[in-house]
């Protein structure tokens, strides 16, 4: 149980005390192994799960074949932590094609995952002297996809992204269609066509790869974008604040046939009275306090409450989710389950949240220095990474088990469809990877 999606090979060994008496290598779809065992022997079993590059998880167990017959053992795999970028030292300048792992990298402020397993990140120089969007490829090298390295300036309506003096982008959202969305303060909503699409039909006006374009100058009524996310069909979810920052509105945005952006209010949009409640139908919701939308692989959406602590969840379909019955189009708070099922850890939702490939929720508690996982089916909450209360002071060694890794302050999370989790630590200047 718990075998990571990315597993390509299993290395299995049986030991008696400190002596290895049998070992083999298996592929995950052919895991039967029946070594000759002495009757009554007490052995220790170790199984190492590897992908094409490295150790991703391990499991150990005791095996006691009383009569020498075949013994079946269920293993619970523990993910391991791997350093993919940075070395924990002072931020460095950017060099095109530089190797990220083990080297000082520029300051990274945000990360999003591409459909091809790459990472897109916001990098900046001292005191924002320059800003660039960088891509960390599966080969471990950093390349620039936007920004020319000059001081930030005003963007044109449409341009080659590598030639612009990029301002600091906010609220990045990268869709499976290869469209990277961002808000540029006081300049509007921009779209960058990347090369990370999966061949899905592009629901927006086609752009040449590497082109950045302003899609929206300002929101209706002067509302200010405070969060955005892409849905599986390529449409957008936008969260805004009114000009006086007294209430939130959630919008849905898509493209109409004439290539313009069609923006329609979804819910919220009025000053707060009682606020949302558990199980409220979204269609009737006039008051809402929440931002930072995150979209699950099935299209379900989560908002972090910006008033009373809450994790507002809107399921994409009716049925059983997170251990209870839910209806599509209704609002549910997932935070109480996190608090009630895993004392004494108390997740402060100031940390980033995201969804895993299977719809499970990953929540950072920077207060407790852990990342929690809430299972999408059962709602069972467990610690995924970190030791409660133990602050990380050093970078991990290759293959450090996630539950003994001392987690430092987490500033970003990103997941990929093949089951990888990336953890950004802006303070330590590094990015870690786990296979789920």
Protein backbone atom coordinates (compact mmCIF):
# COMPACT_ATOMS: atom_id res chain seq x y z
CA UNK A 1 0.00 0.00 0.00
CA UNK A 2 1.15 3.56 -0.62
CA UNK A 3 3.31 2.70 -3.64
CA UNK A 4 4.08 5.97 -5.48
CA UNK A 5 2.74 6.43 -8.99
CA UNK A 6 6.20 7.14 -10.37
CA UNK A 7 7.67 3.80 -9.22
CA UNK A 8 9.51 2.03 -12.04
CA UNK A 9 11.45 -0.60 -10.08
CA UNK A 10 11.44 -2.29 -6.68
CA UNK A 11 14.62 -3.42 -4.97
CA UNK A 12 13.79 -6.08 -2.38
CA UNK A 13 16.10 -7.60 0.21
CA UNK A 14 15.70 -10.06 3.09
CA UNK A 15 18.12 -9.95 5.98
CA UNK A 16 18.79 -12.06 9.05
CA UNK A 17 20.24 -9.63 11.53
CA UNK A 18 22.80 -7.60 9.60
CA UNK A 19 23.29 -10.24 6.91
CA UNK A 20 21.42 -9.97 3.59
CA UNK A 21 20.42 -13.50 2.59
CA UNK A 22 18.32 -12.81 -0.51
CA UNK A 23 17.65 -9.87 -2.84
CA UNK A 24 16.05 -9.19 -6.19
CA UNK A 25 14.81 -6.41 -8.48
CA UNK A 26 11.16 -6.33 -9.57
CA UNK A 27 8.88 -4.19 -11.71
CA UNK A 28 5.72 -2.93 -9.95
CA UNK A 29 3.36 -4.95 -12.13
CA UNK A 30 5.25 -8.21 -11.37
CA UNK A 31 5.95 -8.22 -7.66
CA UNK A 32 5.73 -11.95 -6.82
CA UNK A 33 8.90 -13.13 -5.10
CA UNK A 34 9.29 -16.45 -3.30
CA UNK A 35 12.83 -16.87 -1.96
CA UNK A 36 13.80 -20.04 -0.13
CA UNK A 37 13.35 -19.42 3.59
CA UNK A 38 14.39 -21.60 6.48
CA UNK A 39 11.42 -22.70 8.64
CA UNK A 40 11.07 -20.60 11.75
CA UNK A 41 13.44 -17.88 10.51
CA UNK A 42 12.79 -14.30 11.66
CA UNK A 43 13.81 -11.95 8.89
CA UNK A 44 13.65 -8.25 8.10
CA UNK A 45 12.32 -7.13 4.74
CA UNK A 46 13.26 -3.89 2.96
CA UNK A 47 11.64 -2.70 -0.25
CA UNK A 48 13.00 0.35 -2.04
CA UNK A 49 10.80 1.97 -4.70
CA UNK A 50 12.68 3.83 -7.43
CA UNK A 51 11.72 5.89 -10.46
CA UNK A 52 13.96 6.44 -13.47
CA UNK A 53 16.19 8.74 -11.41
CA UNK A 54 16.22 7.98 -7.71
CA UNK A 55 14.82 6.42 -4.56
CA UNK A 56 11.25 7.68 -4.05
CA UNK A 57 9.94 5.55 -1.17
CA UNK A 58 10.87 2.72 1.12
CA UNK A 59 9.17 0.20 3.37
CA UNK A 60 10.41 -2.23 6.01
CA UNK A 61 8.71 -5.10 7.80
CA UNK A 62 9.42 -8.25 9.81
CA UNK A 63 8.70 -11.63 8.21
CA UNK A 64 8.29 -14.80 10.28
CA UNK A 65 7.64 -17.86 8.04
CA UNK A 66 6.81 -20.42 10.75
CA UNK A 67 6.68 -23.44 8.44
CA UNK A 68 8.67 -22.30 5.43
CA UNK A 69 5.57 -21.69 3.30
CA UNK A 70 5.07 -18.63 1.12
CA UNK A 71 4.42 -15.52 3.19
CA UNK A 72 2.51 -12.45 2.07
CA UNK A 73 3.36 -9.10 3.64
CA UNK A 74 1.55 -5.79 3.15
CA UNK A 75 3.90 -2.83 3.14
CA UNK A 76 3.24 0.85 3.83
CA UNK A 77 5.65 2.90 1.76
CA UNK A 78 7.20 6.03 3.24
CA UNK A 79 7.97 8.76 0.65
CA UNK A 80 11.47 10.18 0.61
CA UNK A 81 12.58 13.78 0.23
CA UNK A 82 14.80 14.77 -2.67
CA UNK A 83 16.46 18.12 -3.41
CA UNK A 84 15.76 19.31 -6.97
CA UNK A 85 16.92 22.94 -6.82
CA UNK A 86 19.14 25.11 -4.63
CA UNK A 87 21.74 24.38 -1.98
CA UNK A 88 20.58 26.50 0.95
CA UNK A 89 23.05 29.32 0.37
CA UNK A 90 22.59 32.93 -0.70
CA UNK A 91 20.50 33.47 -3.83
CA UNK A 92 22.59 33.59 -7.01
CA UNK A 93 22.34 35.27 -10.37
CA UNK A 94 20.61 33.41 -13.18
CA UNK A 95 22.51 31.75 -16.02
CA UNK A 96 20.58 30.23 -18.92
CA UNK A 97 20.68 26.44 -18.75
CA UNK A 98 22.21 26.33 -15.28
CA UNK A 99 21.89 23.12 -13.26
CA UNK A 100 19.50 23.75 -10.38
CA UNK A 101 20.23 20.91 -7.99
CA UNK A 102 23.11 21.51 -5.60
CA UNK A 103 23.78 25.02 -6.88
CA UNK A 104 22.77 28.42 -5.55
CA UNK A 105 19.75 29.64 -7.52
CA UNK A 106 18.01 33.02 -7.79
CA UNK A 107 15.37 33.91 -5.23
CA UNK A 108 12.21 31.94 -6.07
CA UNK A 109 8.90 33.47 -4.99
CA UNK A 110 6.28 31.09 -6.43
CA UNK A 111 6.03 27.77 -8.29
CA UNK A 112 3.41 26.09 -10.51
CA UNK A 113 3.62 22.69 -12.18
CA UNK A 114 3.33 22.11 -15.92
CA UNK A 115 1.53 19.26 -17.64
CA UNK A 116 4.88 17.76 -18.72
CA UNK A 117 6.18 17.55 -15.13
CA UNK A 118 8.28 20.70 -15.39
CA UNK A 119 8.05 23.61 -12.95
CA UNK A 120 7.48 27.26 -13.76
CA UNK A 121 8.68 29.70 -11.12
CA UNK A 122 8.95 33.41 -10.41
CA UNK A 123 12.57 34.44 -9.90
CA UNK A 124 13.78 37.89 -8.90
CA UNK A 125 16.97 39.80 -8.22
CA UNK A 126 17.85 41.86 -5.14
CA UNK A 127 15.13 44.43 -4.33
CA UNK A 128 13.27 43.33 -7.50
CA UNK A 129 16.03 44.71 -9.72
CA UNK A 130 14.87 42.14 -12.29
CA UNK A 131 12.06 39.59 -12.55
CA UNK A 132 11.88 36.50 -14.74
CA UNK A 133 9.75 33.42 -15.19
CA UNK A 134 11.98 30.36 -15.18
CA UNK A 135 11.28 26.79 -16.21
CA UNK A 136 12.85 23.89 -14.34
CA UNK A 137 12.85 21.02 -16.82
CA UNK A 138 12.96 17.30 -16.05
CA UNK A 139 16.65 17.46 -16.99
CA UNK A 140 17.24 19.62 -13.90
CA UNK A 141 18.19 22.77 -15.79
CA UNK A 142 16.77 26.28 -15.51
CA UNK A 143 15.75 28.25 -18.60
CA UNK A 144 14.01 31.62 -18.90
CA UNK A 145 10.57 31.74 -20.52
CA UNK A 146 9.73 35.40 -19.75
CA UNK A 147 11.67 38.52 -18.83
CA UNK A 148 14.87 39.99 -20.30
CA UNK A 149 16.65 40.62 -17.01
CA UNK A 150 16.12 44.38 -17.01
CA UNK A 151 14.33 46.43 -14.38
CA UNK A 152 10.54 45.89 -14.41
CA UNK A 153 8.49 48.11 -16.72
CA UNK A 154 5.13 48.37 -18.46
CA UNK A 155 4.14 45.44 -20.66
CA UNK A 156 2.83 45.93 -24.21
CA UNK A 157 -0.51 44.42 -25.19
CA UNK A 158 1.30 41.53 -26.91
CA UNK A 159 4.98 40.68 -27.19
CA UNK A 160 7.65 38.02 -27.21
CA UNK A 161 7.87 37.16 -23.50
CA UNK A 162 11.66 36.86 -23.53
CA UNK A 163 12.00 40.48 -24.71
CA UNK A 164 9.90 42.24 -22.06
CA UNK A 165 11.04 43.96 -18.86
CA UNK A 166 8.75 41.80 -16.72
CA UNK A 167 7.02 43.28 -13.65
CA UNK A 168 6.42 41.00 -10.66
CA UNK A 169 3.58 38.59 -11.56
CA UNK A 170 1.01 37.52 -8.99
CA UNK A 171 -1.40 34.58 -8.67
CA UNK A 172 0.15 32.28 -11.27
CA UNK A 173 -2.10 29.58 -12.75
CA UNK A 174 -0.87 27.11 -15.38
CA UNK A 175 -3.45 25.06 -17.26
CA UNK A 176 -2.99 21.69 -18.96
CA UNK A 177 -3.52 23.53 -22.27
CA UNK A 178 -0.20 25.35 -21.75
CA UNK A 179 -1.68 28.75 -20.89
CA UNK A 180 0.06 30.46 -17.97
CA UNK A 181 -2.10 33.15 -16.37
CA UNK A 182 -0.92 35.92 -14.08
CA UNK A 183 -2.01 39.22 -12.67
CA UNK A 184 0.37 42.15 -13.17
CA UNK A 185 -0.40 44.86 -10.62
CA UNK A 186 -2.12 47.89 -12.22
CA UNK A 187 -1.61 46.38 -15.70
CA UNK A 188 -4.27 43.67 -15.78
CA UNK A 189 -4.54 39.96 -16.50
CA UNK A 190 -1.95 38.42 -18.83
CA UNK A 191 -1.61 35.06 -20.57
CA UNK A 192 1.67 33.46 -21.62
CA UNK A 193 1.62 30.60 -24.11
CA UNK A 194 4.14 28.03 -22.87
CA UNK A 195 5.30 24.76 -24.42
CA UNK A 196 3.90 22.59 -21.60
CA UNK A 197 0.50 21.79 -23.12
CA UNK A 198 -0.66 18.18 -23.42
CA UNK A 199 -2.36 18.51 -26.78
CA UNK A 200 -5.70 19.54 -25.30
CA UNK A 201 -7.82 21.88 -27.38
CA UNK A 202 -6.87 25.44 -26.52
CA UNK A 203 -10.08 27.22 -25.47
CA UNK A 204 -8.45 30.63 -25.91
CA UNK A 205 -7.29 32.52 -28.95
CA UNK A 206 -4.13 30.75 -30.17
CA UNK A 207 -0.80 32.38 -29.36
CA UNK A 208 2.64 31.43 -30.61
CA UNK A 209 4.65 29.69 -27.86
CA UNK A 210 6.58 32.28 -25.90
CA UNK A 211 4.07 35.07 -26.54
CA UNK A 212 2.65 37.09 -23.65
CA UNK A 213 -0.61 38.96 -24.13
CA UNK A 214 -2.85 41.21 -22.05
CA UNK A 215 -6.28 39.56 -21.92
CA UNK A 216 -8.00 41.93 -19.51
CA UNK A 217 -7.13 45.47 -18.47
CA UNK A 218 -9.43 45.65 -15.46
CA UNK A 219 -12.28 43.78 -13.84
CA UNK A 220 -15.87 45.05 -14.03
CA UNK A 221 -16.63 47.72 -11.46
CA UNK A 222 -12.99 48.27 -10.65
CA UNK A 223 -12.74 45.03 -8.66
CA UNK A 224 -9.20 43.87 -7.76
CA UNK A 225 -8.08 40.32 -8.57
CA UNK A 226 -7.03 38.56 -5.37
CA UNK A 227 -6.66 35.02 -6.71
CA UNK A 228 -7.08 32.94 -9.85
CA UNK A 229 -7.03 29.31 -10.93
CA UNK A 230 -7.53 27.31 -14.13
CA UNK A 231 -10.20 24.62 -14.47
CA UNK A 232 -9.75 21.34 -16.38
CA UNK A 233 -11.53 22.81 -19.43
CA UNK A 234 -9.15 25.79 -19.52
CA UNK A 235 -11.64 28.33 -18.13
CA UNK A 236 -10.73 30.54 -15.18
CA UNK A 237 -11.93 31.06 -11.64
CA UNK A 238 -11.21 34.57 -10.38
CA UNK A 239 -11.63 35.94 -6.86
CA UNK A 240 -11.83 39.70 -6.48
CA UNK A 241 -12.20 42.30 -3.77
CA UNK A 242 -14.31 45.40 -4.22
CA UNK A 243 -12.40 48.70 -4.45
CA UNK A 244 -12.84 49.25 -0.70
CA UNK A 245 -11.85 45.66 0.19
CA UNK A 246 -15.09 45.01 2.07
CA UNK A 247 -16.28 41.85 0.28
CA UNK A 248 -15.27 39.18 -2.22
CA UNK A 249 -16.78 38.09 -5.51
CA UNK A 250 -16.05 34.82 -7.32
CA UNK A 251 -16.18 34.94 -11.13
CA UNK A 252 -15.99 32.44 -13.95
CA UNK A 253 -14.22 33.47 -17.16
CA UNK A 254 -14.15 31.83 -20.57
CA UNK A 255 -13.87 32.82 -24.21
CA UNK A 256 -16.76 33.67 -26.51
CA UNK A 257 -16.59 33.07 -30.29
CA UNK A 258 -15.28 36.54 -31.09
CA UNK A 259 -12.17 35.80 -28.97
CA UNK A 260 -13.05 38.24 -26.18
CA UNK A 261 -13.07 37.21 -22.55
CA UNK A 262 -16.51 36.51 -21.11
CA UNK A 263 -16.58 37.16 -17.35
CA UNK A 264 -19.63 36.32 -15.28
CA UNK A 265 -20.11 36.63 -11.50
CA UNK A 266 -20.58 33.24 -9.84
CA UNK A 267 -21.28 33.95 -6.17
CA UNK A 268 -20.56 36.49 -3.45
CA UNK A 269 -20.59 40.09 -4.54
CA UNK A 270 -22.29 41.72 -1.56
CA UNK A 271 -21.05 43.01 1.80
CA UNK A 272 -20.74 40.28 4.41
CA UNK A 273 -23.76 39.59 6.60
CA UNK A 274 -23.64 36.13 8.14
CA UNK A 275 -21.11 34.76 5.65
CA UNK A 276 -21.19 31.27 4.12
CA UNK A 277 -22.37 28.25 6.08
CA UNK A 278 -21.79 24.51 5.89
CA UNK A 279 -23.68 22.98 2.96
CA UNK A 280 -24.94 26.27 1.56
CA UNK A 281 -25.86 26.11 -2.15
CA UNK A 282 -23.42 28.29 -4.05
CA UNK A 283 -26.18 29.66 -6.29
CA UNK A 284 -27.78 31.37 -3.26
CA UNK A 285 -24.56 32.70 -1.74
CA UNK A 286 -24.47 36.48 -1.72
CA UNK A 287 -21.75 37.01 0.91
CA UNK A 288 -18.38 35.30 0.80
CA UNK A 289 -15.03 35.66 2.53
CA UNK A 290 -12.38 33.63 0.73
CA UNK A 291 -9.57 33.83 -1.80
CA UNK A 292 -6.65 31.76 -3.18
CA UNK A 293 -8.70 29.29 -5.27
CA UNK A 294 -7.20 25.84 -5.89
CA UNK A 295 -8.71 23.42 -8.41
CA UNK A 296 -8.60 19.63 -8.00
CA UNK A 297 -8.02 17.29 -10.97
CA UNK A 298 -11.77 16.53 -11.17
CA UNK A 299 -12.71 20.23 -11.21
CA UNK A 300 -13.63 20.57 -7.52
CA UNK A 301 -12.55 23.92 -6.08
CA UNK A 302 -11.17 24.98 -2.72
CA UNK A 303 -10.99 28.54 -1.34
CA UNK A 304 -9.02 29.63 1.70
CA UNK A 305 -11.20 31.71 4.03
CA UNK A 306 -9.80 35.18 4.61
CA UNK A 307 -12.00 35.90 7.60
CA UNK A 308 -12.59 33.11 10.12
CA UNK A 309 -10.28 30.21 9.31
CA UNK A 310 -11.93 27.95 6.74
CA UNK A 311 -11.14 25.78 3.74
CA UNK A 312 -14.26 26.15 1.58
CA UNK A 313 -14.72 23.21 -0.80
CA UNK A 314 -17.12 22.96 -3.74
CA UNK A 315 -17.28 19.37 -5.07
CA UNK A 316 -17.55 18.91 -8.82
CA UNK A 317 -19.95 15.99 -8.40
CA UNK A 318 -22.29 14.67 -5.71
CA UNK A 319 -21.24 11.70 -3.61
CA UNK A 320 -18.88 10.69 -0.84
CA UNK A 321 -15.82 12.88 -0.39
CA UNK A 322 -13.51 13.45 2.57
CA UNK A 323 -15.52 10.99 4.65
CA UNK A 324 -18.98 12.56 4.23
CA UNK A 325 -21.78 12.99 1.74
CA UNK A 326 -21.59 16.14 -0.38
CA UNK A 327 -23.67 17.71 -3.14
CA UNK A 328 -22.27 19.34 -6.25
CA UNK A 329 -22.62 23.09 -6.20
CA UNK A 330 -22.68 23.33 -2.39
CA UNK A 331 -20.07 24.72 -0.01
CA UNK A 332 -18.30 22.67 2.70
CA UNK A 333 -15.59 23.57 5.21
CA UNK A 334 -12.81 20.96 5.32
CA UNK A 335 -10.78 22.59 8.09
CA UNK A 336 -12.62 21.14 11.14
CA UNK A 337 -11.85 17.61 9.98
CA UNK A 338 -8.16 18.44 9.82
CA UNK A 339 -8.22 19.80 13.35
CA UNK A 340 -10.42 17.09 14.84
CA UNK A 341 -8.66 14.08 13.37
CA UNK A 342 -5.05 14.89 14.12
CA UNK A 343 -4.48 16.50 17.52
CA UNK A 344 -2.33 18.19 18.70
CA UNK A 345 -1.39 19.53 15.26
CA UNK A 346 -3.46 22.62 14.50
CA UNK A 347 -3.06 23.66 10.86
CA UNK A 348 -2.78 27.39 10.52
CA UNK A 349 -3.93 28.01 6.97
CA UNK A 350 -1.41 30.78 6.36
CA UNK A 351 0.62 28.06 4.62
CA UNK A 352 0.01 27.00 1.01
CA UNK A 353 -2.52 24.29 0.07
CA UNK A 354 -2.93 22.14 -3.03
CA UNK A 355 -4.54 18.94 -4.30
CA UNK A 356 -2.73 15.68 -5.00
CA UNK A 357 -3.30 13.73 -8.23
CA UNK A 358 -6.07 11.65 -6.60
CA UNK A 359 -7.99 14.65 -5.21
CA UNK A 360 -6.59 14.37 -1.68
CA UNK A 361 -5.93 17.71 0.00
CA UNK A 362 -2.45 18.80 1.08
CA UNK A 363 -2.32 21.55 3.71
CA UNK A 364 0.75 23.27 5.14
CA UNK A 365 0.91 24.05 8.84
CA UNK A 366 3.94 26.31 9.10
CA UNK A 367 3.11 26.74 12.79
CA UNK A 368 3.72 23.02 13.38
CA UNK A 369 6.27 22.59 10.54
CA UNK A 370 4.33 19.82 8.79
CA UNK A 371 2.38 19.17 5.61
CA UNK A 372 -0.87 17.27 6.23
CA UNK A 373 -2.71 15.02 3.81
CA UNK A 374 -6.51 14.58 3.99
CA UNK A 375 -7.56 11.51 2.01
CA UNK A 376 -10.16 12.35 -0.64
CA UNK A 377 -12.24 9.23 0.00
CA UNK A 378 -12.13 8.69 3.76
CA UNK A 379 -11.14 12.10 5.08
CA UNK A 380 -8.40 10.41 7.12
CA UNK A 381 -5.74 12.97 8.04
CA UNK A 382 -2.07 12.07 8.32
CA UNK A 383 1.25 13.85 8.43
CA UNK A 384 2.86 13.64 5.00
CA UNK A 385 6.09 15.55 5.65
CA UNK A 386 7.81 16.86 8.74
CA UNK A 387 8.05 16.35 12.48
CA UNK A 388 5.58 18.44 14.55
CA UNK A 389 7.38 21.30 16.28
CA UNK A 390 10.81 20.51 14.83
CA UNK A 391 12.14 23.32 12.65
CA UNK A 392 14.33 22.40 9.69
CA UNK A 393 17.84 23.81 9.75
CA UNK A 394 19.57 21.84 6.99
CA UNK A 395 18.83 20.50 3.54
CA UNK A 396 17.90 16.81 3.25
CA UNK A 397 20.24 14.09 2.20
CA UNK A 398 19.25 11.86 -0.71
CA UNK A 399 16.39 9.58 0.29
CA UNK A 400 15.55 11.13 3.68
CA UNK A 401 12.19 9.68 4.83
CA UNK A 402 9.54 12.38 4.77
CA UNK A 403 8.34 11.70 8.31
CA UNK A 404 11.77 12.32 9.82
CA UNK A 405 12.68 15.28 7.61
CA UNK A 406 12.71 18.53 9.58
CA UNK A 407 10.58 20.83 7.45
CA UNK A 408 11.44 24.51 7.29
CA UNK A 409 9.06 27.35 6.36
CA UNK A 410 7.03 26.36 3.28
CA UNK A 411 6.16 29.14 0.84
CA UNK A 412 4.84 27.16 -2.13
CA UNK A 413 3.41 23.77 -3.15
CA UNK A 414 2.86 22.32 -6.62
CA UNK A 415 1.74 18.86 -7.76
CA UNK A 416 1.94 17.06 -11.09
CA UNK A 417 -0.41 14.53 -12.67
CA UNK A 418 2.20 11.76 -12.34
CA UNK A 419 2.09 12.03 -8.55
CA UNK A 420 4.97 14.35 -7.62
CA UNK A 421 4.84 17.04 -4.94
CA UNK A 422 7.19 20.03 -5.07
CA UNK A 423 7.85 22.10 -1.94
CA UNK A 424 9.30 25.61 -2.14
CA UNK A 425 11.28 27.02 0.78
CA UNK A 426 12.03 30.62 -0.11
CA UNK A 427 14.02 31.20 3.08
CA UNK A 428 16.39 28.28 2.52
CA UNK A 429 16.48 28.91 -1.21
CA UNK A 430 15.57 25.38 -2.27
CA UNK A 431 12.87 23.21 -3.86
CA UNK A 432 12.20 19.67 -2.58
CA UNK A 433 10.39 16.83 -4.35
CA UNK A 434 8.35 13.90 -3.05
CA UNK A 435 6.63 11.11 -4.98
CA UNK A 436 3.10 10.39 -3.73
